[in-house]
Protein backbone atom coordinates (compact mmCIF):
# COMPACT_ATOMS: atom_id res chain seq x y z
CA MET A 1 59.64 71.86 -16.73
CA GLY A 2 56.60 71.29 -18.89
CA TRP A 3 53.83 70.06 -16.63
CA TRP A 4 55.21 71.66 -13.47
CA GLY A 5 55.75 74.97 -15.25
CA GLU A 6 52.15 74.96 -16.42
CA ALA A 7 50.92 74.03 -12.95
CA ASP A 8 52.75 77.01 -11.45
CA ILE A 9 51.21 79.36 -14.00
CA ASN A 10 47.71 77.95 -13.43
CA ALA A 11 48.06 78.26 -9.65
CA ALA A 12 49.14 81.89 -10.04
CA ASN A 13 46.19 82.64 -12.32
CA VAL A 14 43.72 81.01 -9.92
CA ALA A 15 45.14 82.92 -6.97
CA MET A 16 44.90 86.20 -8.87
CA SER A 17 41.32 85.47 -9.95
CA ALA A 18 40.33 84.66 -6.37
CA THR A 19 41.89 87.91 -5.15
CA GLU A 20 40.12 89.97 -7.81
CA THR A 21 36.79 88.30 -7.03
CA SER A 22 37.13 88.95 -3.29
CA THR A 23 38.03 92.59 -3.91
CA THR A 24 35.13 93.09 -6.30
CA ASN A 25 32.65 91.45 -3.92
CA SER A 26 33.82 93.67 -1.06
CA ARG A 27 33.37 96.79 -3.18
CA VAL A 28 29.90 95.73 -4.34
CA LEU A 29 28.80 94.93 -0.80
CA GLY A 30 30.21 98.24 0.42
CA VAL A 31 28.27 100.16 -2.23
CA THR A 32 25.08 98.16 -1.71
CA GLN A 33 25.08 98.59 2.04
């Protein structure tokens, strides 16, 4: 627990942030072009 639990949460947050960023960039590029 403890450290590993926090690491799992952080990894999930990073993955979600990366997904949201990629989606947003695709939408912006689609609108711009």
